[in-house]
């Protein structure tokens, strides 16, 4: 599953089941370029757009430069810490009060768009 996050207009896509190579023109994968507010705007499944369910229309993630995050997912608020492995193109999320980590793969990063894969088929 891929998530497309956009800053300012803040959007977010999910793609499930397949993975494309990162696109040309990407920003360098750094904390500075990821530490922004991002909003979910739609899902993409096998190349087809799907509307957001009502409970996800206000979802967002704020990655802060102090390596903490705040998110609203399916209407539920979460906080925690995050770390970046730029070499592996991974963001690791550690939600407050939960065990373990949740890793996402960075597919594309531009100044106003972040596409991440959340269900890695490999």
N, C-alpha and C. Protein backbone atom coordinates (compact mmCIF):
# COMPACT_ATOMS: atom_id res chain seq x y z
N UNK A 1 0.85 -1.16 0.00
CA UNK A 1 0.00 0.00 0.00
C UNK A 1 0.89 1.22 0.00
N UNK A 2 0.60 2.19 -0.81
CA UNK A 2 1.36 3.44 -0.86
C UNK A 2 0.50 4.56 -0.33
N UNK A 3 1.16 5.49 0.29
CA UNK A 3 0.50 6.68 0.78
C UNK A 3 1.16 7.87 0.10
N UNK A 4 0.38 8.75 -0.43
CA UNK A 4 0.91 9.98 -1.00
C UNK A 4 0.53 11.11 -0.06
N UNK A 5 1.53 11.75 0.48
CA UNK A 5 1.33 12.86 1.40
C UNK A 5 1.76 14.13 0.71
N UNK A 6 0.97 15.16 0.83
CA UNK A 6 1.31 16.45 0.22
C UNK A 6 1.28 17.54 1.27
N UNK A 7 2.33 18.36 1.28
CA UNK A 7 2.43 19.46 2.21
C UNK A 7 1.69 20.66 1.64
N UNK A 8 1.33 21.59 2.48
CA UNK A 8 0.54 22.76 2.13
C UNK A 8 -0.87 22.32 1.78
N UNK A 9 -1.08 21.88 0.59
CA UNK A 9 -2.38 21.32 0.23
C UNK A 9 -2.50 19.98 0.95
N UNK A 10 -1.41 19.43 1.35
CA UNK A 10 -1.30 18.25 2.17
C UNK A 10 -2.16 17.09 1.71
N UNK A 11 -1.62 16.22 0.92
CA UNK A 11 -2.40 15.08 0.50
C UNK A 11 -1.63 13.79 0.67
N UNK A 12 -2.33 12.67 0.52
CA UNK A 12 -1.79 11.38 0.88
C UNK A 12 -2.48 10.30 0.06
N UNK A 13 -1.73 9.44 -0.63
CA UNK A 13 -2.29 8.34 -1.42
C UNK A 13 -1.86 7.02 -0.81
N UNK A 14 -2.66 6.00 -0.98
CA UNK A 14 -2.29 4.64 -0.63
C UNK A 14 -2.36 3.80 -1.89
N UNK A 15 -1.35 3.01 -2.14
CA UNK A 15 -1.37 2.05 -3.23
C UNK A 15 -1.11 0.69 -2.61
N UNK A 16 -1.91 -0.27 -2.94
CA UNK A 16 -1.82 -1.58 -2.32
C UNK A 16 -1.34 -2.61 -3.33
N UNK A 17 -0.43 -3.48 -2.92
CA UNK A 17 -0.13 -4.67 -3.67
C UNK A 17 0.97 -4.58 -4.71
N UNK A 18 1.44 -3.41 -5.09
CA UNK A 18 2.55 -3.32 -6.02
C UNK A 18 3.35 -2.08 -5.73
N UNK A 19 4.57 -2.09 -6.21
CA UNK A 19 5.50 -1.02 -5.89
C UNK A 19 6.20 -0.57 -7.16
N UNK A 20 6.24 0.72 -7.40
CA UNK A 20 6.98 1.28 -8.54
C UNK A 20 8.28 1.89 -8.03
N UNK A 21 9.22 2.06 -8.95
CA UNK A 21 10.47 2.72 -8.59
C UNK A 21 10.19 4.18 -8.26
N UNK A 22 11.03 4.75 -7.40
CA UNK A 22 10.89 6.17 -7.08
C UNK A 22 11.04 6.99 -8.36
N UNK A 23 10.27 8.03 -8.44
CA UNK A 23 10.25 8.84 -9.66
C UNK A 23 11.41 9.83 -9.71
N UNK A 24 11.76 10.25 -10.92
CA UNK A 24 12.82 11.25 -11.10
C UNK A 24 12.36 12.58 -10.52
N UNK A 25 13.30 13.41 -10.16
CA UNK A 25 12.97 14.73 -9.63
C UNK A 25 12.66 14.71 -8.15
N UNK A 26 12.93 13.63 -7.48
CA UNK A 26 12.68 13.55 -6.04
C UNK A 26 13.59 14.49 -5.28
N UNK A 27 13.09 14.95 -4.15
CA UNK A 27 13.90 15.71 -3.21
C UNK A 27 14.82 14.71 -2.51
N UNK A 28 15.89 15.23 -1.96
CA UNK A 28 16.76 14.39 -1.14
C UNK A 28 15.98 13.93 0.08
N UNK A 29 16.15 12.68 0.45
CA UNK A 29 15.42 12.15 1.60
C UNK A 29 16.17 12.55 2.86
N UNK A 30 15.65 13.60 3.51
CA UNK A 30 16.24 14.12 4.74
C UNK A 30 15.12 14.42 5.74
N UNK A 31 15.50 14.52 6.99
CA UNK A 31 14.53 14.91 8.02
C UNK A 31 13.92 16.26 7.67
N UNK A 32 14.74 17.19 7.22
CA UNK A 32 14.26 18.52 6.88
C UNK A 32 13.16 18.47 5.81
N UNK A 33 13.32 17.61 4.81
CA UNK A 33 12.34 17.55 3.73
C UNK A 33 11.07 16.76 4.09
N UNK A 34 11.15 15.95 5.12
CA UNK A 34 9.98 15.17 5.55
C UNK A 34 9.24 15.86 6.68
N UNK A 35 9.95 16.64 7.50
CA UNK A 35 9.35 17.28 8.67
C UNK A 35 8.40 18.39 8.24
N UNK A 36 7.16 17.98 7.96
CA UNK A 36 6.11 18.89 7.52
C UNK A 36 4.78 18.31 7.96
N UNK A 37 3.72 19.05 7.69
CA UNK A 37 2.35 18.55 7.89
C UNK A 37 1.89 17.94 6.58
N UNK A 38 1.29 16.75 6.67
CA UNK A 38 0.81 16.02 5.50
C UNK A 38 -0.62 15.58 5.76
N UNK A 39 -1.45 15.64 4.75
CA UNK A 39 -2.86 15.27 4.88
C UNK A 39 -3.23 14.18 3.89
N UNK A 40 -4.00 13.23 4.35
CA UNK A 40 -4.50 12.16 3.49
C UNK A 40 -5.55 12.71 2.55
N UNK A 41 -5.39 12.45 1.25
CA UNK A 41 -6.40 12.91 0.31
C UNK A 41 -7.06 11.80 -0.49
N UNK A 42 -6.36 10.68 -0.73
CA UNK A 42 -7.01 9.57 -1.40
C UNK A 42 -6.16 8.33 -1.34
N UNK A 43 -6.81 7.22 -1.66
CA UNK A 43 -6.16 5.93 -1.78
C UNK A 43 -6.04 5.58 -3.25
N UNK A 44 -5.01 4.81 -3.55
CA UNK A 44 -4.90 4.23 -4.89
C UNK A 44 -4.63 2.75 -4.68
N UNK A 45 -5.44 1.94 -5.30
CA UNK A 45 -5.29 0.49 -5.20
C UNK A 45 -5.12 -0.06 -6.61
N UNK A 46 -3.99 -0.70 -6.86
CA UNK A 46 -3.66 -1.26 -8.18
C UNK A 46 -3.88 -0.23 -9.29
N UNK A 47 -3.44 1.00 -9.03
CA UNK A 47 -3.50 2.05 -10.02
C UNK A 47 -4.82 2.79 -10.13
N UNK A 48 -5.82 2.40 -9.38
CA UNK A 48 -7.15 3.04 -9.43
C UNK A 48 -7.38 3.87 -8.18
N UNK A 49 -7.83 5.12 -8.37
CA UNK A 49 -8.15 5.98 -7.24
C UNK A 49 -9.43 5.53 -6.56
N UNK A 50 -9.46 5.72 -5.27
CA UNK A 50 -10.66 5.40 -4.49
C UNK A 50 -10.93 6.56 -3.54
N UNK A 51 -12.20 6.90 -3.35
CA UNK A 51 -12.50 7.99 -2.41
C UNK A 51 -12.19 7.57 -0.98
N UNK A 52 -11.92 8.58 -0.17
CA UNK A 52 -11.66 8.31 1.24
C UNK A 52 -12.95 7.97 1.97
N UNK A 53 -12.89 7.01 2.89
CA UNK A 53 -14.03 6.80 3.77
C UNK A 53 -14.25 8.05 4.62
N UNK A 54 -15.45 8.29 5.02
CA UNK A 54 -15.79 9.50 5.79
C UNK A 54 -14.90 9.68 7.02
N UNK A 55 -14.60 8.58 7.74
CA UNK A 55 -13.81 8.68 8.98
C UNK A 55 -12.34 9.01 8.71
N UNK A 56 -11.89 9.02 7.45
CA UNK A 56 -10.50 9.32 7.15
C UNK A 56 -10.31 10.66 6.42
N UNK A 57 -11.36 11.38 6.18
CA UNK A 57 -11.26 12.63 5.42
C UNK A 57 -10.49 13.73 6.14
N UNK A 58 -10.34 13.63 7.45
CA UNK A 58 -9.58 14.63 8.20
C UNK A 58 -8.23 14.10 8.66
N UNK A 59 -7.83 12.92 8.20
CA UNK A 59 -6.56 12.31 8.63
C UNK A 59 -5.36 13.14 8.20
N UNK A 60 -4.34 13.18 9.05
CA UNK A 60 -3.11 13.91 8.76
C UNK A 60 -1.98 13.29 9.55
N UNK A 61 -0.76 13.63 9.17
CA UNK A 61 0.43 13.30 9.94
C UNK A 61 1.33 14.52 9.94
N UNK A 62 1.83 14.86 11.10
CA UNK A 62 2.80 15.94 11.23
C UNK A 62 4.10 15.32 11.72
N UNK A 63 5.10 15.31 10.84
CA UNK A 63 6.43 14.87 11.23
C UNK A 63 7.19 16.11 11.66
N UNK A 64 7.68 16.11 12.90
CA UNK A 64 8.41 17.27 13.42
C UNK A 64 9.91 17.02 13.34
N UNK A 65 10.67 18.10 13.23
CA UNK A 65 12.13 17.98 13.11
C UNK A 65 12.79 17.48 14.39
N UNK A 66 12.07 17.51 15.52
CA UNK A 66 12.61 16.96 16.76
C UNK A 66 12.38 15.45 16.85
N UNK A 67 11.95 14.86 15.72
CA UNK A 67 11.75 13.41 15.56
C UNK A 67 10.54 12.89 16.34
N UNK A 68 9.57 13.76 16.58
CA UNK A 68 8.29 13.33 17.13
C UNK A 68 7.25 13.51 16.02
N UNK A 69 6.11 12.86 16.19
CA UNK A 69 5.04 13.03 15.23
C UNK A 69 3.71 13.07 15.94
N UNK A 70 2.76 13.62 15.23
CA UNK A 70 1.37 13.69 15.68
C UNK A 70 0.55 13.28 14.47
N UNK A 71 -0.45 12.42 14.67
CA UNK A 71 -1.27 12.01 13.54
C UNK A 71 -2.70 11.78 13.96
N UNK A 72 -3.58 11.89 12.99
CA UNK A 72 -4.97 11.51 13.12
C UNK A 72 -5.18 10.44 12.06
N UNK A 73 -5.51 9.23 12.48
CA UNK A 73 -5.68 8.11 11.56
C UNK A 73 -7.02 7.45 11.83
N UNK A 74 -7.87 7.44 10.82
CA UNK A 74 -9.23 6.92 10.95
C UNK A 74 -9.96 7.59 12.10
N UNK A 75 -9.67 8.88 12.27
CA UNK A 75 -10.32 9.68 13.30
C UNK A 75 -9.73 9.52 14.69
N UNK A 76 -8.68 8.71 14.83
CA UNK A 76 -8.06 8.47 16.14
C UNK A 76 -6.72 9.20 16.22
N UNK A 77 -6.50 9.96 17.30
CA UNK A 77 -5.23 10.68 17.43
C UNK A 77 -4.11 9.77 17.95
N UNK A 78 -2.91 9.98 17.43
CA UNK A 78 -1.72 9.25 17.87
C UNK A 78 -0.57 10.24 17.96
N UNK A 79 0.37 9.93 18.84
CA UNK A 79 1.62 10.66 18.94
C UNK A 79 2.73 9.63 19.05
N UNK A 80 3.95 10.10 18.92
CA UNK A 80 5.07 9.18 19.09
C UNK A 80 6.34 9.78 18.54
N UNK A 81 7.29 8.88 18.30
CA UNK A 81 8.59 9.27 17.76
C UNK A 81 8.75 8.60 16.40
N UNK A 82 9.60 9.21 15.59
CA UNK A 82 9.90 8.62 14.29
C UNK A 82 11.38 8.72 14.03
N UNK A 83 11.86 7.84 13.16
CA UNK A 83 13.25 7.94 12.73
C UNK A 83 13.30 7.66 11.24
N UNK A 84 14.33 8.15 10.62
CA UNK A 84 14.50 8.04 9.18
C UNK A 84 15.75 7.24 8.87
N UNK A 85 15.64 6.29 7.96
CA UNK A 85 16.78 5.60 7.39
C UNK A 85 16.77 5.95 5.90
N UNK A 86 17.48 7.02 5.55
CA UNK A 86 17.46 7.52 4.17
C UNK A 86 18.05 6.51 3.19
N UNK A 87 19.04 5.75 3.62
CA UNK A 87 19.64 4.76 2.73
C UNK A 87 18.66 3.68 2.32
N UNK A 88 17.82 3.26 3.25
CA UNK A 88 16.82 2.24 2.97
C UNK A 88 15.48 2.83 2.54
N UNK A 89 15.40 4.17 2.54
CA UNK A 89 14.17 4.89 2.19
C UNK A 89 13.01 4.46 3.10
N UNK A 90 13.26 4.44 4.40
CA UNK A 90 12.27 4.01 5.38
C UNK A 90 12.04 5.08 6.44
N UNK A 91 10.78 5.18 6.85
CA UNK A 91 10.41 5.97 8.02
C UNK A 91 9.87 4.96 9.03
N UNK A 92 10.40 5.01 10.24
CA UNK A 92 9.96 4.12 11.31
C UNK A 92 9.16 4.93 12.33
N UNK A 93 7.96 4.47 12.63
CA UNK A 93 7.09 5.14 13.58
C UNK A 93 6.99 4.32 14.85
N UNK A 94 7.10 4.98 15.99
CA UNK A 94 6.95 4.38 17.30
C UNK A 94 5.83 5.12 18.01
N UNK A 95 4.64 4.53 18.03
CA UNK A 95 3.49 5.20 18.65
C UNK A 95 3.58 5.13 20.16
N UNK A 96 3.28 6.23 20.81
CA UNK A 96 3.28 6.30 22.27
C UNK A 96 2.31 5.27 22.82
N UNK A 97 2.79 4.48 23.80
CA UNK A 97 1.94 3.50 24.46
C UNK A 97 1.78 2.19 23.70
N UNK A 98 2.47 2.03 22.59
CA UNK A 98 2.37 0.79 21.81
C UNK A 98 3.74 0.14 21.71
N UNK A 99 3.76 -1.15 21.58
CA UNK A 99 5.00 -1.91 21.43
C UNK A 99 5.45 -1.90 19.97
N UNK A 100 6.74 -1.96 19.76
CA UNK A 100 7.28 -2.13 18.42
C UNK A 100 7.25 -0.88 17.56
N UNK A 101 7.62 -1.09 16.31
CA UNK A 101 7.69 0.00 15.36
C UNK A 101 6.87 -0.35 14.13
N UNK A 102 6.55 0.68 13.38
CA UNK A 102 5.80 0.53 12.14
C UNK A 102 6.64 1.20 11.05
N UNK A 103 7.06 0.43 10.06
CA UNK A 103 7.92 0.97 9.01
C UNK A 103 7.12 1.22 7.74
N UNK A 104 7.43 2.34 7.07
CA UNK A 104 6.86 2.64 5.76
C UNK A 104 8.03 2.92 4.82
N UNK A 105 7.81 2.65 3.54
CA UNK A 105 8.85 2.82 2.53
C UNK A 105 8.55 4.10 1.74
N UNK A 106 9.56 4.92 1.58
CA UNK A 106 9.40 6.15 0.79
C UNK A 106 9.54 5.80 -0.68
N UNK A 107 8.49 6.05 -1.42
CA UNK A 107 8.50 5.83 -2.87
C UNK A 107 8.88 7.12 -3.59
N UNK A 108 8.25 8.22 -3.23
CA UNK A 108 8.48 9.50 -3.88
C UNK A 108 8.45 10.61 -2.84
N UNK A 109 9.38 11.54 -2.95
CA UNK A 109 9.39 12.71 -2.09
C UNK A 109 9.70 13.92 -2.96
N UNK A 110 8.75 14.87 -2.99
CA UNK A 110 8.97 16.16 -3.63
C UNK A 110 8.69 17.21 -2.57
N UNK A 111 8.77 18.49 -2.93
CA UNK A 111 8.54 19.53 -1.93
C UNK A 111 7.12 19.52 -1.39
N UNK A 112 6.16 19.03 -2.16
CA UNK A 112 4.78 19.04 -1.70
C UNK A 112 4.10 17.68 -1.76
N UNK A 113 4.88 16.61 -1.90
CA UNK A 113 4.28 15.29 -2.06
C UNK A 113 5.19 14.22 -1.46
N UNK A 114 4.60 13.34 -0.69
CA UNK A 114 5.31 12.20 -0.13
C UNK A 114 4.45 10.98 -0.39
N UNK A 115 4.99 10.04 -1.14
CA UNK A 115 4.27 8.80 -1.40
C UNK A 115 5.02 7.71 -0.65
N UNK A 116 4.30 7.02 0.22
CA UNK A 116 4.91 5.94 0.99
C UNK A 116 4.13 4.65 0.79
N UNK A 117 4.84 3.56 0.85
CA UNK A 117 4.23 2.23 0.74
C UNK A 117 4.05 1.73 2.16
N UNK A 118 2.82 1.40 2.52
CA UNK A 118 2.59 0.94 3.88
C UNK A 118 2.35 -0.56 3.97
N UNK A 119 2.00 -1.21 2.88
CA UNK A 119 1.90 -2.66 2.84
C UNK A 119 2.88 -3.13 1.79
N UNK A 120 4.09 -3.47 2.21
CA UNK A 120 5.15 -3.86 1.28
C UNK A 120 4.90 -5.29 0.79
N UNK A 121 4.71 -5.45 -0.52
CA UNK A 121 4.44 -6.79 -1.04
C UNK A 121 5.66 -7.70 -1.05
N UNK A 122 6.86 -7.18 -0.82
CA UNK A 122 8.04 -8.03 -0.87
C UNK A 122 8.32 -8.68 0.46
